[in-house]
Amino acid sequence: MAFATAGLFWQSNGLNELADGRQFVAITRRINGGTNGLADRQMYYGRAKNVLGADAGAPREVPLTRGHEAIVAQARKRAKAVATKRKAPVKR
């Protein structure tokens, strides 16, 4: 229930558009009514960019695969690797 409530708040306050534009000050003000927590949001954003392999100095989009699509793509890749391995001649 808490997640659904947070999602509804995020959507009804137009926070997705602000997040896409990296407008952390505006997001923080809409959530808290001021800039309380801004430094934490910026820190977590920096950490996420590092984990995702984005250059911390360049404002660029990081392509993210969705869960289901990534799982299917990985399964296909593994199946192809197994099939290729089975076709390879056995070295003796």
PDB file of N, CA and C in Angstrom:
ATOM      1  N   MET A   1       0.822  -1.193   0.000  1.00  0.00           N
ATOM      2  CA  MET A   1       0.000   0.000   0.000  1.00  0.00           C
ATOM      3  C   MET A   1       0.866   1.258   0.000  1.00  0.00           C
ATOM      4  N   ALA A   2       1.986   1.224   0.753  1.00  0.00           N
ATOM      5  CA  ALA A   2       2.861   2.395   0.832  1.00  0.00           C
ATOM      6  C   ALA A   2       3.483   2.697  -0.530  1.00  0.00           C
ATOM      7  N   PHE A   3       3.871   1.649  -1.239  1.00  0.00           N
ATOM      8  CA  PHE A   3       4.475   1.848  -2.561  1.00  0.00           C
ATOM      9  C   PHE A   3       3.471   2.463  -3.521  1.00  0.00           C
ATOM     10  N   ALA A   4       2.248   1.990  -3.501  1.00  0.00           N
ATOM     11  CA  ALA A   4       1.201   2.528  -4.374  1.00  0.00           C
ATOM     12  C   ALA A   4       0.927   3.993  -4.042  1.00  0.00           C
ATOM     13  N   THR A   5       0.916   4.327  -2.768  1.00  0.00           N
ATOM     14  CA  THR A   5       0.685   5.706  -2.338  1.00  0.00           C
ATOM     15  C   THR A   5       1.826   6.609  -2.806  1.00  0.00           C
ATOM     16  N   ALA A   6       3.060   6.133  -2.655  1.00  0.00           N
ATOM     17  CA  ALA A   6       4.216   6.915  -3.096  1.00  0.00           C
ATOM     18  C   ALA A   6       4.176   7.115  -4.606  1.00  0.00           C
ATOM     19  N   GLY A   7       3.808   6.072  -5.346  1.00  0.00           N
ATOM     20  CA  GLY A   7       3.707   6.180  -6.794  1.00  0.00           C
ATOM     21  C   GLY A   7       2.640   7.171  -7.223  1.00  0.00           C
ATOM     22  N   LEU A   8       1.510   7.150  -6.535  1.00  0.00           N
ATOM     23  CA  LEU A   8       0.430   8.095  -6.833  1.00  0.00           C
ATOM     24  C   LEU A   8       0.875   9.534  -6.560  1.00  0.00           C
ATOM     25  N   PHE A   9       1.578   9.734  -5.449  1.00  0.00           N
ATOM     26  CA  PHE A   9       2.100  11.067  -5.119  1.00  0.00           C
ATOM     27  C   PHE A   9       3.072  11.525  -6.201  1.00  0.00           C
ATOM     28  N   TRP A  10       3.995  10.631  -6.595  1.00  0.00           N
ATOM     29  CA  TRP A  10       5.000  10.938  -7.620  1.00  0.00           C
ATOM     30  C   TRP A  10       4.313  11.358  -8.927  1.00  0.00           C
ATOM     31  N   GLN A  11       3.309  10.580  -9.329  1.00  0.00           N
ATOM     32  CA  GLN A  11       2.617  10.845 -10.589  1.00  0.00           C
ATOM     33  C   GLN A  11       1.781  12.121 -10.509  1.00  0.00           C
ATOM     34  N   SER A  12       1.010  12.272  -9.463  1.00  0.00           N
ATOM     35  CA  SER A  12       0.092  13.411  -9.365  1.00  0.00           C
ATOM     36  C   SER A  12       0.816  14.744  -9.193  1.00  0.00           C
ATOM     37  N   ASN A  13       2.071  14.705  -8.765  1.00  0.00           N
ATOM     38  CA  ASN A  13       2.842  15.937  -8.600  1.00  0.00           C
ATOM     39  C   ASN A  13       3.812  16.197  -9.751  1.00  0.00           C
ATOM     40  N   GLY A  14       3.709  15.418 -10.818  1.00  0.00           N
ATOM     41  CA  GLY A  14       4.538  15.648 -12.000  1.00  0.00           C
ATOM     42  C   GLY A  14       6.020  15.460 -11.770  1.00  0.00           C
ATOM     43  N   LEU A  15       6.378  14.571 -10.863  1.00  0.00           N
ATOM     44  CA  LEU A  15       7.784  14.407 -10.508  1.00  0.00           C
ATOM     45  C   LEU A  15       8.587  13.649 -11.561  1.00  0.00           C
ATOM     46  N   ASN A  16       7.925  12.847 -12.374  1.00  0.00           N
ATOM     47  CA  ASN A  16       8.646  12.114 -13.416  1.00  0.00           C
ATOM     48  C   ASN A  16       9.290  13.078 -14.409  1.00  0.00           C
ATOM     49  N   GLU A  17       8.540  14.075 -14.825  1.00  0.00           N
ATOM     50  CA  GLU A  17       9.069  15.063 -15.777  1.00  0.00           C
ATOM     51  C   GLU A  17      10.245  15.822 -15.171  1.00  0.00           C
ATOM     52  N   LEU A  18      10.121  16.162 -13.900  1.00  0.00           N
ATOM     53  CA  LEU A  18      11.226  16.861 -13.226  1.00  0.00           C
ATOM     54  C   LEU A  18      12.445  15.958 -13.097  1.00  0.00           C
ATOM     55  N   ALA A  19      12.226  14.691 -12.802  1.00  0.00           N
ATOM     56  CA  ALA A  19      13.342  13.753 -12.675  1.00  0.00           C
ATOM     57  C   ALA A  19      14.027  13.554 -14.017  1.00  0.00           C
ATOM     58  N   ASP A  20      13.243  13.470 -15.089  1.00  0.00           N
ATOM     59  CA  ASP A  20      13.833  13.338 -16.420  1.00  0.00           C
ATOM     60  C   ASP A  20      14.722  14.535 -16.747  1.00  0.00           C
ATOM     61  N   GLY A  21      14.359  15.700 -16.233  1.00  0.00           N
ATOM     62  CA  GLY A  21      15.144  16.909 -16.452  1.00  0.00           C
ATOM     63  C   GLY A  21      16.191  17.152 -15.388  1.00  0.00           C
ATOM     64  N   ARG A  22      16.350  16.188 -14.498  1.00  0.00           N
ATOM     65  CA  ARG A  22      17.326  16.268 -13.401  1.00  0.00           C
ATOM     66  C   ARG A  22      17.150  17.540 -12.561  1.00  0.00           C
ATOM     67  N   GLN A  23      15.916  17.897 -12.293  1.00  0.00           N
ATOM     68  CA  GLN A  23      15.604  19.102 -11.526  1.00  0.00           C
ATOM     69  C   GLN A  23      15.393  18.736 -10.062  1.00  0.00           C
ATOM     70  N   PHE A  24      16.497  18.413  -9.393  1.00  0.00           N
ATOM     71  CA  PHE A  24      16.429  17.908  -8.022  1.00  0.00           C
ATOM     72  C   PHE A  24      15.903  18.939  -7.028  1.00  0.00           C
ATOM     73  N   VAL A  25      16.214  20.194  -7.243  1.00  0.00           N
ATOM     74  CA  VAL A  25      15.720  21.231  -6.326  1.00  0.00           C
ATOM     75  C   VAL A  25      14.199  21.302  -6.396  1.00  0.00           C
ATOM     76  N   ALA A  26      13.647  21.295  -7.606  1.00  0.00           N
ATOM     77  CA  ALA A  26      12.188  21.362  -7.765  1.00  0.00           C
ATOM     78  C   ALA A  26      11.516  20.111  -7.195  1.00  0.00           C
ATOM     79  N   ILE A  27      12.127  18.948  -7.426  1.00  0.00           N
ATOM     80  CA  ILE A  27      11.567  17.705  -6.867  1.00  0.00           C
ATOM     81  C   ILE A  27      11.543  17.769  -5.354  1.00  0.00           C
ATOM     82  N   THR A  28      12.673  18.178  -4.777  1.00  0.00           N
ATOM     83  CA  THR A  28      12.780  18.250  -3.313  1.00  0.00           C
ATOM     84  C   THR A  28      11.770  19.223  -2.740  1.00  0.00           C
ATOM     85  N   ARG A  29      11.573  20.360  -3.403  1.00  0.00           N
ATOM     86  CA  ARG A  29      10.590  21.338  -2.908  1.00  0.00           C
ATOM     87  C   ARG A  29       9.174  20.783  -2.975  1.00  0.00           C
ATOM     88  N   ARG A  30       8.856  20.044  -4.038  1.00  0.00           N
ATOM     89  CA  ARG A  30       7.499  19.481  -4.142  1.00  0.00           C
ATOM     90  C   ARG A  30       7.262  18.389  -3.102  1.00  0.00           C
ATOM     91  N   ILE A  31       8.311  17.661  -2.756  1.00  0.00           N
ATOM     92  CA  ILE A  31       8.152  16.584  -1.775  1.00  0.00           C
ATOM     93  C   ILE A  31       8.151  17.138  -0.356  1.00  0.00           C
ATOM     94  N   ASN A  32       9.128  17.995  -0.050  1.00  0.00           N
ATOM     95  CA  ASN A  32       9.324  18.450   1.331  1.00  0.00           C
ATOM     96  C   ASN A  32       8.853  19.867   1.610  1.00  0.00           C
ATOM     97  N   GLY A  33       8.527  20.630   0.578  1.00  0.00           N
ATOM     98  CA  GLY A  33       8.151  22.018   0.786  1.00  0.00           C
ATOM     99  C   GLY A  33       9.350  22.936   0.929  1.00  0.00           C
ATOM    100  N   GLY A  34      10.533  22.389   0.843  1.00  0.00           N
ATOM    101  CA  GLY A  34      11.787  23.151   0.941  1.00  0.00           C
ATOM    102  C   GLY A  34      12.891  22.315   0.325  1.00  0.00           C
ATOM    103  N   THR A  35      14.121  22.603   0.691  1.00  0.00           N
ATOM    104  CA  THR A  35      15.244  21.850   0.111  1.00  0.00           C
ATOM    105  C   THR A  35      15.827  20.825   1.077  1.00  0.00           C
ATOM    106  N   ASN A  36      15.089  20.498   2.120  1.00  0.00           N
ATOM    107  CA  ASN A  36      15.540  19.479   3.059  1.00  0.00           C
ATOM    108  C   ASN A  36      15.679  18.135   2.340  1.00  0.00           C
ATOM    109  N   GLY A  37      16.854  17.510   2.414  1.00  0.00           N
ATOM    110  CA  GLY A  37      17.079  16.218   1.773  1.00  0.00           C
ATOM    111  C   GLY A  37      17.692  16.312   0.385  1.00  0.00           C
ATOM    112  N   LEU A  38      17.926  17.539  -0.105  1.00  0.00           N
ATOM    113  CA  LEU A  38      18.478  17.728  -1.451  1.00  0.00           C
ATOM    114  C   LEU A  38      19.859  17.083  -1.592  1.00  0.00           C
ATOM    115  N   ALA A  39      20.717  17.280  -0.620  1.00  0.00           N
ATOM    116  CA  ALA A  39      22.076  16.718  -0.696  1.00  0.00           C
ATOM    117  C   ALA A  39      22.032  15.193  -0.785  1.00  0.00           C
ATOM    118  N   ASP A  40      21.126  14.573  -0.042  1.00  0.00           N
ATOM    119  CA  ASP A  40      20.997  13.111  -0.098  1.00  0.00           C
ATOM    120  C   ASP A  40      20.538  12.656  -1.476  1.00  0.00           C
ATOM    121  N   ARG A  41      19.562  13.341  -2.055  1.00  0.00           N
ATOM    122  CA  ARG A  41      19.080  12.968  -3.388  1.00  0.00           C
ATOM    123  C   ARG A  41      20.196  13.068  -4.420  1.00  0.00           C
ATOM    124  N   GLN A  42      20.980  14.133  -4.341  1.00  0.00           N
ATOM    125  CA  GLN A  42      22.082  14.307  -5.284  1.00  0.00           C
ATOM    126  C   GLN A  42      23.149  13.233  -5.078  1.00  0.00           C
ATOM    127  N   MET A  43      23.413  12.871  -3.829  1.00  0.00           N
ATOM    128  CA  MET A  43      24.386  11.828  -3.533  1.00  0.00           C
ATOM    129  C   MET A  43      23.914  10.486  -4.095  1.00  0.00           C
ATOM    130  N   TYR A  44      22.662  10.131  -3.869  1.00  0.00           N
ATOM    131  CA  TYR A  44      22.139   8.847  -4.363  1.00  0.00           C
ATOM    132  C   TYR A  44      22.087   8.814  -5.890  1.00  0.00           C
ATOM    133  N   TYR A  45      21.812   9.945  -6.506  1.00  0.00           N
ATOM    134  CA  TYR A  45      21.819  10.015  -7.966  1.00  0.00           C
ATOM    135  C   TYR A  45      23.239   9.752  -8.484  1.00  0.00           C
ATOM    136  N   GLY A  46      24.223  10.357  -7.848  1.00  0.00           N
ATOM    137  CA  GLY A  46      25.619  10.118  -8.236  1.00  0.00           C
ATOM    138  C   GLY A  46      26.014   8.667  -8.075  1.00  0.00           C
ATOM    139  N   ARG A  47      25.601   8.059  -6.985  1.00  0.00           N
ATOM    140  CA  ARG A  47      25.894   6.634  -6.762  1.00  0.00           C
ATOM    141  C   ARG A  47      25.247   5.768  -7.834  1.00  0.00           C
ATOM    142  N   ALA A  48      23.999   6.067  -8.149  1.00  0.00           N
ATOM    143  CA  ALA A  48      23.286   5.280  -9.161  1.00  0.00           C
ATOM    144  C   ALA A  48      23.979   5.399 -10.517  1.00  0.00           C
ATOM    145  N   LYS A  49      24.420   6.605 -10.867  1.00  0.00           N
ATOM    146  CA  LYS A  49      25.129   6.789 -12.130  1.00  0.00           C
ATOM    147  C   LYS A  49      26.419   5.975 -12.156  1.00  0.00           C
ATOM    148  N   ASN A  50      27.129   5.934 -11.040  1.00  0.00           N
ATOM    149  CA  ASN A  50      28.361   5.145 -10.983  1.00  0.00           C
ATOM    150  C   ASN A  50      28.072   3.659 -11.147  1.00  0.00           C
ATOM    151  N   VAL A  51      27.043   3.179 -10.484  1.00  0.00           N
ATOM    152  CA  VAL A  51      26.678   1.769 -10.565  1.00  0.00           C
ATOM    153  C   VAL A  51      26.258   1.405 -11.988  1.00  0.00           C
ATOM    154  N   LEU A  52      25.550   2.312 -12.646  1.00  0.00           N
ATOM    155  CA  LEU A  52      25.057   2.048 -13.991  1.00  0.00           C
ATOM    156  C   LEU A  52      26.099   2.331 -15.074  1.00  0.00           C
ATOM    157  N   GLY A  53      27.254   2.832 -14.683  1.00  0.00           N
ATOM    158  CA  GLY A  53      28.329   3.057 -15.634  1.00  0.00           C
ATOM    159  C   GLY A  53      28.238   4.369 -16.376  1.00  0.00           C
ATOM    160  N   ALA A  54      27.453   5.302 -15.885  1.00  0.00           N
ATOM    161  CA  ALA A  54      27.345   6.610 -16.539  1.00  0.00           C
ATOM    162  C   ALA A  54      28.510   7.485 -16.104  1.00  0.00           C
ATOM    163  N   ASP A  55      28.994   8.306 -16.999  1.00  0.00           N
ATOM    164  CA  ASP A  55      30.054   9.250 -16.689  1.00  0.00           C
ATOM    165  C   ASP A  55      29.477  10.309 -15.761  1.00  0.00           C
ATOM    166  N   ALA A  56      30.041  10.429 -14.576  1.00  0.00           N
ATOM    167  CA  ALA A  56      29.504  11.360 -13.587  1.00  0.00           C
ATOM    168  C   ALA A  56      29.573  12.810 -14.037  1.00  0.00           C
ATOM    169  N   GLY A  57      30.485  13.141 -14.966  1.00  0.00           N
ATOM    170  CA  GLY A  57      30.627  14.518 -15.397  1.00  0.00           C
ATOM    171  C   GLY A  57      29.786  14.878 -16.600  1.00  0.00           C
ATOM    172  N   ALA A  58      29.277  13.916 -17.311  1.00  0.00           N
ATOM    173  CA  ALA A  58      28.528  14.193 -18.540  1.00  0.00           C
ATOM    174  C   ALA A  58      27.050  13.900 -18.348  1.00  0.00           C
ATOM    175  N   PRO A  59      26.182  14.889 -18.542  1.00  0.00           N
ATOM    176  CA  PRO A  59      24.743  14.633 -18.404  1.00  0.00           C
ATOM    177  C   PRO A  59      24.211  13.899 -19.631  1.00  0.00           C
ATOM    178  N   ARG A  60      24.248  12.582 -19.599  1.00  0.00           N
ATOM    179  CA  ARG A  60      23.754  11.792 -20.722  1.00  0.00           C
ATOM    180  C   ARG A  60      22.769  10.764 -20.221  1.00  0.00           C
ATOM    181  N   GLU A  61      21.981  10.283 -21.106  1.00  0.00           N
ATOM    182  CA  GLU A  61      20.998   9.276 -20.757  1.00  0.00           C
ATOM    183  C   GLU A  61      21.682   7.917 -20.652  1.00  0.00           C
ATOM    184  N   VAL A  62      21.292   7.139 -19.675  1.00  0.00           N
ATOM    185  CA  VAL A  62      21.822   5.799 -19.509  1.00  0.00           C
ATOM    186  C   VAL A  62      20.730   4.826 -19.936  1.00  0.00           C
ATOM    187  N   PRO A  63      20.963   4.062 -21.005  1.00  0.00           N
ATOM    188  CA  PRO A  63      19.927   3.125 -21.426  1.00  0.00           C
ATOM    189  C   PRO A  63      19.777   1.997 -20.409  1.00  0.00           C
ATOM    190  N   LEU A  64      18.591   1.803 -19.952  1.00  0.00           N
ATOM    191  CA  LEU A  64      18.305   0.740 -18.998  1.00  0.00           C
ATOM    192  C   LEU A  64      17.376  -0.269 -19.642  1.00  0.00           C
ATOM    193  N   THR A  65      17.698  -1.530 -19.479  1.00  0.00           N
ATOM    194  CA  THR A  65      16.788  -2.549 -19.980  1.00  0.00           C
ATOM    195  C   THR A  65      15.754  -2.825 -18.908  1.00  0.00           C
ATOM    196  N   ARG A  66      14.589  -3.131 -19.329  1.00  0.00           N
ATOM    197  CA  ARG A  66      13.531  -3.455 -18.387  1.00  0.00           C
ATOM    198  C   ARG A  66      13.732  -4.876 -17.894  1.00  0.00           C
ATOM    199  N   GLY A  67      13.159  -5.198 -16.789  1.00  0.00           N
ATOM    200  CA  GLY A  67      13.351  -6.493 -16.162  1.00  0.00           C
ATOM    201  C   GLY A  67      13.047  -7.672 -17.056  1.00  0.00           C
ATOM    202  N   HIS A  68      11.827  -7.763 -17.549  1.00  0.00           N
ATOM    203  CA  HIS A  68      11.416  -8.913 -18.347  1.00  0.00           C
ATOM    204  C   HIS A  68      12.231  -9.025 -19.627  1.00  0.00           C
ATOM    205  N   GLU A  69      12.402  -7.909 -20.311  1.00  0.00           N
ATOM    206  CA  GLU A  69      13.148  -7.921 -21.564  1.00  0.00           C
ATOM    207  C   GLU A  69      14.598  -8.348 -21.339  1.00  0.00           C
ATOM    208  N   ALA A  70      15.201  -7.875 -20.266  1.00  0.00           N
ATOM    209  CA  ALA A  70      16.583  -8.241 -19.962  1.00  0.00           C
ATOM    210  C   ALA A  70      16.705  -9.727 -19.654  1.00  0.00           C
ATOM    211  N   ILE A  71      15.754 -10.270 -18.924  1.00  0.00           N
ATOM    212  CA  ILE A  71      15.779 -11.692 -18.585  1.00  0.00           C
ATOM    213  C   ILE A  71      15.632 -12.542 -19.843  1.00  0.00           C
ATOM    214  N   VAL A  72      14.701 -12.168 -20.719  1.00  0.00           N
ATOM    215  CA  VAL A  72      14.494 -12.911 -21.968  1.00  0.00           C
ATOM    216  C   VAL A  72      15.746 -12.838 -22.844  1.00  0.00           C
ATOM    217  N   ALA A  73      16.331 -11.654 -22.968  1.00  0.00           N
ATOM    218  CA  ALA A  73      17.539 -11.498 -23.791  1.00  0.00           C
ATOM    219  C   ALA A  73      18.688 -12.332 -23.235  1.00  0.00           C
ATOM    220  N   GLN A  74      18.834 -12.337 -21.934  1.00  0.00           N
ATOM    221  CA  GLN A  74      19.904 -13.121 -21.312  1.00  0.00           C
ATOM    222  C   GLN A  74      19.667 -14.617 -21.519  1.00  0.00           C
ATOM    223  N   ALA A  75      18.423 -15.062 -21.395  1.00  0.00           N
ATOM    224  CA  ALA A  75      18.105 -16.475 -21.596  1.00  0.00           C
ATOM    225  C   ALA A  75      18.389 -16.890 -23.035  1.00  0.00           C
ATOM    226  N   ARG A  76      18.055 -16.036 -23.992  1.00  0.00           N
ATOM    227  CA  ARG A  76      18.335 -16.342 -25.395  1.00  0.00           C
ATOM    228  C   ARG A  76      19.834 -16.425 -25.649  1.00  0.00           C
ATOM    229  N   LYS A  77      20.573 -15.500 -25.052  1.00  0.00           N
ATOM    230  CA  LYS A  77      22.027 -15.492 -25.214  1.00  0.00           C
ATOM    231  C   LYS A  77      22.638 -16.772 -24.648  1.00  0.00           C
ATOM    232  N   ARG A  78      22.171 -17.202 -23.491  1.00  0.00           N
ATOM    233  CA  ARG A  78      22.684 -18.438 -22.879  1.00  0.00           C
ATOM    234  C   ARG A  78      22.313 -19.658 -23.714  1.00  0.00           C
ATOM    235  N   ALA A  79      21.084 -19.682 -24.211  1.00  0.00           N
ATOM    236  CA  ALA A  79      20.647 -20.818 -25.028  1.00  0.00           C
ATOM    237  C   ALA A  79      21.475 -20.897 -26.305  1.00  0.00           C
ATOM    238  N   LYS A  80      21.773 -19.756 -26.891  1.00  0.00           N
ATOM    239  CA  LYS A  80      22.590 -19.726 -28.107  1.00  0.00           C
ATOM    240  C   LYS A  80      24.006 -20.217 -27.807  1.00  0.00           C
ATOM    241  N   ALA A  81      24.558 -19.813 -26.682  1.00  0.00           N
ATOM    242  CA  ALA A  81      25.904 -20.246 -26.298  1.00  0.00           C
ATOM    243  C   ALA A  81      25.946 -21.753 -26.069  1.00  0.00           C
ATOM    244  N   VAL A  82      24.923 -22.300 -25.437  1.00  0.00           N
ATOM    245  CA  VAL A  82      24.852 -23.740 -25.190  1.00  0.00           C
ATOM    246  C   VAL A  82      24.725 -24.488 -26.511  1.00  0.00           C
ATOM    247  N   ALA A  83      23.873 -23.988 -27.408  1.00  0.00           N
ATOM    248  CA  ALA A  83      23.685 -24.633 -28.706  1.00  0.00           C
ATOM    249  C   ALA A  83      24.981 -24.610 -29.511  1.00  0.00           C
ATOM    250  N   THR A  84      25.698 -23.510 -29.470  1.00  0.00           N
ATOM    251  CA  THR A  84      26.969 -23.386 -30.186  1.00  0.00           C
ATOM    252  C   THR A  84      28.004 -24.340 -29.597  1.00  0.00           C
ATOM    253  N   LYS A  85      28.015 -24.457 -28.301  1.00  0.00           N
ATOM    254  CA  LYS A  85      28.960 -25.343 -27.620  1.00  0.00           C
ATOM    255  C   LYS A  85      28.696 -26.801 -27.974  1.00  0.00           C
ATOM    256  N   ARG A  86      27.432 -27.178 -28.108  1.00  0.00           N
ATOM    257  CA  ARG A  86      27.068 -28.544 -28.446  1.00  0.00           C
ATOM    258  C   ARG A  86      27.482 -28.906 -29.876  1.00  0.00           C
ATOM    259  N   LYS A  87      27.460 -27.919 -30.757  1.00  0.00           N
ATOM    260  CA  LYS A  87      27.801 -28.153 -32.151  1.00  0.00           C
ATOM    261  C   LYS A  87      29.309 -28.223 -32.375  1.00  0.00           C
ATOM    262  N   ALA A  88      30.083 -27.698 -31.456  1.00  0.00           N
ATOM    263  CA  ALA A  88      31.533 -27.668 -31.612  1.00  0.00           C
ATOM    264  C   ALA A  88      32.094 -29.091 -31.533  1.00  0.00           C
ATOM    265  N   PRO A  89      33.086 -29.407 -32.370  1.00  0.00           N
ATOM    266  CA  PRO A  89      33.675 -30.746 -32.321  1.00  0.00           C
ATOM    267  C   PRO A  89      34.431 -30.974 -31.004  1.00  0.00           C
ATOM    268  N   VAL A  90      34.389 -32.175 -30.553  1.00  0.00           N
ATOM    269  CA  VAL A  90      35.053 -32.538 -29.294  1.00  0.00           C
ATOM    270  C   VAL A  90      36.528 -32.731 -29.565  1.00  0.00           C
ATOM    271  N   LYS A  91      37.366 -32.077 -28.784  1.00  0.00           N
ATOM    272  CA  LYS A  91      38.824 -32.212 -28.922  1.00  0.00           C
ATOM    273  C   LYS A  91      39.279 -33.393 -28.078  1.00  0.00           C
ATOM    274  N   ARG A  92      40.093 -34.251 -28.683  1.00  0.00           N
ATOM    275  CA  ARG A  92      40.620 -35.409 -27.942  1.00  0.00           C
ATOM    276  C   ARG A  92      42.098 -35.405 -27.915  1.00  0.00           C
TER     277      ARG A  92
END
